[in-house]
Protein backbone atom coordinates (compact mmCIF):
# COMPACT_ATOMS: atom_id res chain seq x y z
CA MET A 1 -0.53 -21.53 87.32
CA ALA A 2 -0.83 -25.41 87.88
CA GLN A 3 -4.09 -26.59 89.44
CA ARG A 4 -4.77 -30.35 89.68
CA PHE A 5 -7.77 -32.23 90.93
CA TRP A 6 -8.15 -35.73 92.34
CA LEU A 7 -11.35 -37.55 93.39
CA HIS A 8 -11.00 -40.17 96.10
CA LYS A 9 -13.89 -42.39 97.26
CA ASN A 10 -13.28 -44.04 100.55
CA HIS A 11 -14.64 -47.63 101.70
CA ARG A 12 -18.03 -46.13 102.90
CA GLY A 13 -18.67 -44.63 99.20
CA GLU A 14 -17.82 -40.86 100.37
CA THR A 15 -16.23 -39.03 97.73
CA PHE A 16 -13.60 -36.35 98.52
CA GLU A 17 -12.21 -34.07 95.79
CA ILE A 18 -8.38 -33.24 96.56
CA SER A 19 -6.72 -29.95 94.93
CA ILE A 20 -3.57 -28.43 94.68
CA TYR A 21 -3.00 -24.91 93.56
CA HIS A 22 0.72 -23.94 92.79
CA GLY A 23 1.47 -20.53 91.57
CA ASP A 24 3.80 -19.99 88.62
CA LYS A 25 5.75 -17.12 89.52
CA THR A 26 5.44 -17.19 93.14
CA GLY A 27 5.58 -20.83 93.91
CA HIS A 28 3.02 -20.70 96.62
CA VAL A 29 1.02 -23.68 97.18
CA LEU A 30 -2.42 -24.43 98.40
CA VAL A 31 -3.55 -27.93 99.15
CA TYR A 32 -7.27 -28.37 99.97
CA VAL A 33 -10.05 -30.97 100.14
CA GLY A 34 -13.38 -29.59 99.05
CA ARG A 35 -13.67 -26.12 100.45
CA GLU A 36 -11.32 -26.90 103.18
CA ILE A 37 -7.59 -25.60 103.20
CA LEU A 38 -5.32 -28.18 104.60
CA GLN A 39 -1.79 -26.70 103.80
CA ILE A 40 -0.20 -23.52 102.68
CA ASP A 41 3.31 -23.12 101.53
CA PHE A 42 5.19 -20.36 100.07
CA SER A 43 7.94 -20.25 97.33
CA VAL A 44 7.96 -23.79 96.60
CA LYS A 45 10.41 -24.41 93.83
CA THR A 46 12.17 -27.63 94.60
CA MET A 47 10.70 -31.20 95.21
CA LYS A 48 8.32 -31.02 98.18
CA GLU A 49 5.77 -33.57 99.84
CA TYR A 50 2.72 -32.92 102.05
CA THR A 51 1.19 -35.52 104.10
CA PHE A 52 -2.48 -35.60 105.37
CA MET A 53 -5.41 -37.65 106.59
CA LEU A 54 -8.69 -38.00 105.29
CA GLU A 55 -10.85 -39.51 108.02
CA GLU A 56 -8.70 -43.04 108.72
CA GLU A 57 -6.62 -42.88 105.55
CA LEU A 58 -3.14 -41.18 105.17
CA PHE A 59 -2.31 -39.52 101.89
CA LYS A 60 0.88 -38.12 100.52
CA LEU A 61 0.65 -35.50 97.75
CA GLY A 62 4.06 -34.77 95.84
CA TYR A 63 5.50 -31.94 93.90
CA TYR A 64 8.20 -33.19 91.75
CA PRO A 65 9.47 -30.78 89.06
CA ASP A 66 12.26 -33.23 87.73
CA LYS A 67 9.65 -36.04 86.98
CA PRO A 68 7.23 -36.30 84.08
CA LYS A 69 4.10 -36.31 86.10
CA LEU A 70 4.60 -32.99 88.16
CA TYR A 71 2.22 -33.74 90.91
CA GLU A 72 1.30 -37.13 92.34
CA LEU A 73 -1.17 -38.20 95.05
CA TRP A 74 -0.76 -41.48 96.98
CA ASN A 75 -2.90 -43.31 99.49
CA GLU A 76 -0.25 -44.44 101.91
CA THR A 77 -2.94 -46.66 103.58
CA HIS A 78 -3.60 -48.55 100.79
CA ASN A 79 -0.33 -47.89 99.09
CA LYS A 80 -1.69 -47.24 95.62
CA GLU A 81 -1.77 -43.99 93.36
CA VAL A 82 -4.79 -41.95 93.48
CA LEU A 83 -5.42 -40.84 89.60
CA LEU A 84 -6.35 -37.29 88.48
CA LEU A 85 -9.68 -36.47 87.69
CA GLY A 86 -10.20 -37.46 84.07
CA GLU A 87 -7.23 -39.70 83.85
CA SER A 88 -7.89 -43.78 83.68
CA PRO A 89 -5.98 -46.32 84.74
CA GLU A 90 -3.65 -48.55 82.23
CA ASN A 91 -5.74 -51.73 81.70
CA PRO A 92 -3.78 -54.17 79.20
CA PHE A 93 -6.67 -56.76 79.62
CA LEU A 94 -9.05 -54.20 78.30
CA ILE A 95 -6.99 -53.68 75.07
CA TRP A 96 -7.13 -57.51 74.42
CA GLN A 97 -10.70 -57.28 75.11
CA LEU A 98 -11.31 -54.83 72.63
CA ILE A 99 -8.90 -56.69 70.05
CA LEU A 100 -11.12 -60.11 70.47
CA LEU A 101 -14.38 -58.24 70.14
CA VAL A 102 -13.21 -56.77 66.82
CA LEU A 103 -12.12 -60.13 65.59
CA VAL A 104 -15.38 -61.57 66.68
CA LEU A 105 -17.35 -58.97 64.88
CA ILE A 106 -15.47 -59.33 61.78
CA ALA A 107 -15.60 -63.28 61.89
CA ILE A 108 -19.52 -62.87 62.37
CA LEU A 109 -19.75 -60.25 59.29
CA THR A 110 -17.87 -62.62 57.25
CA ILE A 111 -20.05 -65.62 58.06
CA LEU A 112 -23.06 -63.49 57.39
CA TYR A 113 -21.72 -62.37 53.85
CA PHE A 114 -21.45 -65.85 52.57
CA LEU A 115 -24.66 -66.95 54.00
CA ILE A 116 -26.66 -64.24 52.53
CA ARG A 117 -24.86 -64.31 49.28
């Protein structure tokens, strides 16, 4: 059984929980938002995409068995991927900030060591 969850916050600050349930043996798919079922599909074994609206935004939820990420949710209105619940975006700038912070801390500790000595 594959089950994935996404959280989407619209421009008014409302949060939507978008989910997919995909049965292992049967291949049956259930797409829902909160407690509302949007689509039911049977025996999905190959690539399949589902489109739906959340208020004024268009979304595309895809099942891609040949890709590393089996399920992807795209906000077509803003042309960006919605991240899985718990998934963080890649931010190379954040890595450089952390490296700089560590170097500054090392420099401060080195200076303090020689001043106190």
